[in-house]
């Protein structure tokens, strides 16, 4: 579903050039559950923005479901984003003055073609995340975990093929975090591609595959059930010591 080849991203401010991604390459097949890990400043959020078609790479090729993303204009990117991707962020980004149900309906409103079954689809999405009894509640009346579940339902309402989640448990207690991770696991078992960005190894271990970024490059790419190579562990530790 995803093909990245030599992705680079550089930011310029006046005469200062800051490279963030340095030749990132990997593939994600449909239905995979992948965690992208790394410490602060390793390029996780920048890579998330590229994967979500929120930003274009400076160099390299990105194909999403066979479409060359780099060649698309802003309108085409917006259409692809709305059609293929559901977003979940650390901050819930819910409208405080409206209900959970109406918050979930928002992507359908913004899509420009408001479907006749919008409310039914929003209700189904809330049921899918276990909030059938909270549809008329406002965010202030919900716990942090429940607000994040509303955000997940909002991501689901357009029936995307892929969910991108950026630190989705960062503002949650451990119990709520586990509940959210259980939802992602269930969605993946139903066939959705899940890409999770996190700095927390315990969260990453819920995925089936972990990609580790270091200084804007892929330092490790492994299946969760695969034992780590001892020599590779030494190399990673040496990199971290050098960075310090």
Protein backbone atom coordinates (compact mmCIF):
# COMPACT_ATOMS: atom_id res chain seq x y z
CA UNK A 1 0.00 0.00 0.00
CA UNK A 2 2.91 2.31 0.79
CA UNK A 3 6.20 2.54 -1.08
CA UNK A 4 8.85 5.01 0.06
CA UNK A 5 12.07 5.28 -1.94
CA UNK A 6 14.88 7.56 -0.80
CA UNK A 7 12.58 10.07 0.91
CA UNK A 8 14.34 13.24 2.00
CA UNK A 9 12.87 16.28 3.71
CA UNK A 10 14.83 19.46 4.26
CA UNK A 11 13.61 22.69 5.83
CA UNK A 12 15.12 26.05 4.99
CA UNK A 13 15.00 29.20 7.08
CA UNK A 14 16.97 32.04 5.54
CA UNK A 15 20.47 30.73 4.99
CA UNK A 16 19.98 27.80 7.39
CA UNK A 17 19.20 24.38 5.88
CA UNK A 18 18.01 21.61 8.21
CA UNK A 19 17.80 18.05 6.86
CA UNK A 20 15.22 15.99 8.77
CA UNK A 21 14.65 12.87 6.65
CA UNK A 22 17.72 11.42 4.94
CA UNK A 23 16.88 8.73 2.39
CA UNK A 24 14.04 6.85 4.10
CA UNK A 25 12.92 3.74 2.21
CA UNK A 26 10.42 1.03 3.19
CA UNK A 27 7.20 -0.67 2.05
CA UNK A 28 3.97 -1.29 3.94
CA UNK A 29 1.64 -3.95 2.60
CA UNK A 30 -2.17 -3.67 2.84
CA UNK A 31 -3.40 -4.85 6.23
CA UNK A 32 -0.08 -4.42 8.04
CA UNK A 33 0.17 -2.92 11.54
CA UNK A 34 3.39 -0.91 11.74
CA UNK A 35 4.83 1.21 14.55
CA UNK A 36 7.33 3.94 13.70
CA UNK A 37 9.55 4.61 16.70
CA UNK A 38 12.27 7.06 17.57
CA UNK A 39 13.34 9.65 20.10
CA UNK A 40 12.29 13.29 19.82
CA UNK A 41 13.92 14.94 16.82
CA UNK A 42 14.48 11.78 14.79
CA UNK A 43 11.97 12.74 12.08
CA UNK A 44 8.89 10.77 13.20
CA UNK A 45 6.41 13.64 12.91
CA UNK A 46 7.89 14.79 9.60
CA UNK A 47 7.58 11.27 8.22
CA UNK A 48 4.00 11.13 9.53
CA UNK A 49 3.18 14.32 7.62
CA UNK A 50 4.67 12.87 4.43
CA UNK A 51 2.79 9.58 4.83
CA UNK A 52 -0.44 11.47 5.49
CA UNK A 53 -0.02 13.65 2.37
CA UNK A 54 0.12 16.71 4.63
CA UNK A 55 3.58 17.61 3.36
CA UNK A 56 5.64 16.75 0.30
CA UNK A 57 9.16 15.35 0.47
CA UNK A 58 12.08 17.38 -0.83
CA UNK A 59 13.34 14.37 -2.77
CA UNK A 60 12.47 10.72 -3.29
CA UNK A 61 9.35 8.85 -4.34
CA UNK A 62 6.20 8.09 -2.36
CA UNK A 63 3.49 5.84 -3.80
CA UNK A 64 0.24 5.40 -1.90
CA UNK A 65 -1.89 2.57 -3.20
CA UNK A 66 -0.08 2.86 -6.54
CA UNK A 67 -0.48 6.65 -6.84
CA UNK A 68 2.67 8.78 -7.11
CA UNK A 69 1.93 11.29 -4.36
CA UNK A 70 4.80 13.63 -5.22
CA UNK A 71 3.23 14.45 -8.59
CA UNK A 72 -0.18 15.50 -7.19
CA UNK A 73 -1.36 19.08 -6.74
CA UNK A 74 -2.99 20.31 -3.51
CA UNK A 75 -6.56 19.47 -4.58
CA UNK A 76 -5.56 15.97 -5.66
CA UNK A 77 -3.68 15.47 -2.39
CA UNK A 78 -6.72 16.57 -0.42
CA UNK A 79 -8.96 14.13 -2.29
CA UNK A 80 -6.50 11.26 -1.81
CA UNK A 81 -6.15 12.09 1.88
CA UNK A 82 -9.91 12.16 2.46
CA UNK A 83 -10.43 8.96 0.48
CA UNK A 84 -7.61 6.78 1.81
CA UNK A 85 -6.50 8.01 5.25
CA UNK A 86 -7.99 8.46 8.71
CA UNK A 87 -5.98 10.51 11.22
CA UNK A 88 -5.72 10.14 15.00
CA UNK A 89 -3.55 12.58 16.96
CA UNK A 90 -2.24 12.92 20.49
CA UNK A 91 -4.43 15.99 20.93
CA UNK A 92 -8.02 14.93 20.30
CA UNK A 93 -8.96 18.03 18.24
CA UNK A 94 -12.66 17.76 19.09
CA UNK A 95 -15.10 20.67 18.87
CA UNK A 96 -15.99 21.37 22.48
CA UNK A 97 -19.45 22.83 21.91
CA UNK A 98 -20.92 19.93 19.97
CA UNK A 99 -21.70 16.30 20.64
CA UNK A 100 -19.61 13.21 20.03
CA UNK A 101 -21.95 12.26 17.19
CA UNK A 102 -21.57 15.59 15.39
CA UNK A 103 -17.80 15.55 15.92
CA UNK A 104 -17.65 12.19 14.17
CA UNK A 105 -19.76 13.51 11.28
CA UNK A 106 -17.36 16.39 10.57
CA UNK A 107 -15.17 14.62 7.94
CA UNK A 108 -18.31 13.83 5.96
CA UNK A 109 -19.31 17.49 6.06
CA UNK A 110 -15.86 18.68 4.96
CA UNK A 111 -15.77 16.15 2.12
CA UNK A 112 -18.15 18.38 0.18
CA UNK A 113 -20.69 15.68 -0.63
CA UNK A 114 -22.71 15.14 2.53
CA UNK A 115 -24.14 11.60 2.29
CA UNK A 116 -27.74 10.86 3.23
CA UNK A 117 -26.60 8.21 5.69
CA UNK A 118 -24.01 10.45 7.42
CA UNK A 119 -25.63 10.22 10.86
CA UNK A 120 -26.02 6.45 10.58
CA UNK A 121 -22.37 6.08 9.60
CA UNK A 122 -21.29 8.24 12.53
CA UNK A 123 -23.42 6.17 14.90
CA UNK A 124 -21.90 2.95 13.56
CA UNK A 125 -18.40 4.36 14.06
CA UNK A 126 -19.14 5.26 17.68
CA UNK A 127 -20.59 1.82 18.30
CA UNK A 128 -17.39 0.32 16.84
CA UNK A 129 -15.29 2.08 19.51
CA UNK A 130 -17.66 1.23 22.37
CA UNK A 131 -19.40 4.59 22.77
CA UNK A 132 -22.98 3.74 21.86
CA UNK A 133 -24.11 5.30 25.15
CA UNK A 134 -22.10 8.54 24.76
CA UNK A 135 -23.26 9.84 21.38
CA UNK A 136 -24.98 12.95 22.75
CA UNK A 137 -22.20 13.81 25.21
CA UNK A 138 -19.91 16.79 24.66
CA UNK A 139 -16.13 16.37 24.98
CA UNK A 140 -16.08 18.06 28.40
CA UNK A 141 -18.41 15.31 29.62
CA UNK A 142 -16.07 12.54 28.48
CA UNK A 143 -12.86 11.15 29.94
CA UNK A 144 -9.59 11.45 28.01
CA UNK A 145 -9.85 7.86 26.83
CA UNK A 146 -13.41 8.37 25.66
CA UNK A 147 -12.43 11.54 23.78
CA UNK A 148 -9.70 9.63 21.99
CA UNK A 149 -12.21 6.95 21.07
CA UNK A 150 -14.43 9.67 19.58
CA UNK A 151 -11.38 10.80 17.58
CA UNK A 152 -10.85 7.24 16.34
CA UNK A 153 -14.52 7.00 15.37
CA UNK A 154 -14.13 10.27 13.45
CA UNK A 155 -11.17 8.74 11.59
CA UNK A 156 -13.26 5.68 10.74
CA UNK A 157 -16.39 7.41 9.46
CA UNK A 158 -15.08 7.86 5.91
CA UNK A 159 -14.15 4.14 5.75
CA UNK A 160 -10.44 4.78 5.05
CA UNK A 161 -8.09 1.99 4.06
CA UNK A 162 -5.38 3.26 6.39
CA UNK A 163 -5.28 4.82 9.87
CA UNK A 164 -2.34 7.06 10.79
CA UNK A 165 -2.02 7.56 14.55
CA UNK A 166 0.49 10.05 16.00
CA UNK A 167 1.23 9.35 19.69
CA UNK A 168 -2.42 8.34 20.26
CA UNK A 169 -1.84 7.34 23.91
CA UNK A 170 0.35 10.32 24.82
CA UNK A 171 -2.36 12.12 26.82
CA UNK A 172 -3.93 9.01 28.35
CA UNK A 173 -3.47 7.04 31.54
CA UNK A 174 -2.21 3.47 31.19
CA UNK A 175 -5.66 1.85 31.34
CA UNK A 176 -7.17 4.17 28.71
CA UNK A 177 -4.06 3.70 26.59
CA UNK A 178 -4.50 -0.07 26.62
CA UNK A 179 -8.16 0.32 25.62
CA UNK A 180 -7.18 2.50 22.66
CA UNK A 181 -4.47 0.06 21.58
CA UNK A 182 -7.00 -2.79 21.75
CA UNK A 183 -9.22 -0.84 19.34
CA UNK A 184 -6.36 -0.42 16.87
CA UNK A 185 -5.59 -4.14 17.08
CA UNK A 186 -9.24 -4.99 16.36
CA UNK A 187 -9.37 -2.59 13.41
CA UNK A 188 -6.23 -4.17 12.01
CA UNK A 189 -7.72 -7.66 12.34
CA UNK A 190 -10.68 -6.37 10.33
CA UNK A 191 -8.27 -5.57 7.50
CA UNK A 192 -7.27 -1.93 7.96
CA UNK A 193 -3.68 -0.84 7.59
CA UNK A 194 -2.49 0.83 10.81
CA UNK A 195 0.60 3.02 11.07
CA UNK A 196 1.37 4.20 14.58
CA UNK A 197 3.98 6.83 15.45
CA UNK A 198 5.30 6.66 19.01
CA UNK A 199 8.37 7.14 21.20
CA UNK A 200 7.11 4.49 23.64
CA UNK A 201 8.44 0.98 23.05
CA UNK A 202 5.62 -0.59 25.11
CA UNK A 203 3.09 1.02 22.73
CA UNK A 204 5.09 0.00 19.67
CA UNK A 205 5.10 -3.63 20.79
CA UNK A 206 1.35 -3.77 20.12
CA UNK A 207 2.11 -3.58 16.39
CA UNK A 208 3.30 -6.47 14.24
CA UNK A 209 6.32 -4.59 12.85
CA UNK A 210 8.54 -1.83 14.22
CA UNK A 211 10.51 0.68 12.16
CA UNK A 212 13.03 2.68 14.21
CA UNK A 213 14.23 6.08 13.01
CA UNK A 214 17.55 7.58 14.04
CA UNK A 215 18.78 10.93 12.73
CA UNK A 216 16.27 10.82 9.87
CA UNK A 217 17.22 7.36 8.63
CA UNK A 218 15.80 3.87 9.15
CA UNK A 219 18.01 2.31 11.83
CA UNK A 220 15.92 -0.85 12.31
CA UNK A 221 13.00 -2.61 10.63
CA UNK A 222 11.84 -5.82 12.26
CA UNK A 223 8.82 -7.97 13.02
CA UNK A 224 7.78 -7.78 16.66
CA UNK A 225 8.01 -11.56 17.03
CA UNK A 226 11.56 -11.63 15.63
CA UNK A 227 14.45 -11.68 18.12
CA UNK A 228 16.77 -8.73 17.81
CA UNK A 229 20.18 -9.34 16.34
CA UNK A 230 22.86 -8.88 19.02
CA UNK A 231 25.30 -7.14 16.67
CA UNK A 232 22.56 -4.78 15.50
CA UNK A 233 21.77 -3.97 19.14
CA UNK A 234 25.41 -2.98 19.66
CA UNK A 235 25.32 -0.72 16.62
CA UNK A 236 22.16 1.02 17.84
CA UNK A 237 23.66 1.52 21.30
CA UNK A 238 26.83 2.96 19.75
CA UNK A 239 24.78 5.40 17.67
CA UNK A 240 22.93 6.58 20.78
CA UNK A 241 26.20 7.06 22.71
CA UNK A 242 27.66 9.02 19.79
CA UNK A 243 24.56 11.24 19.64
CA UNK A 244 24.85 12.01 23.34
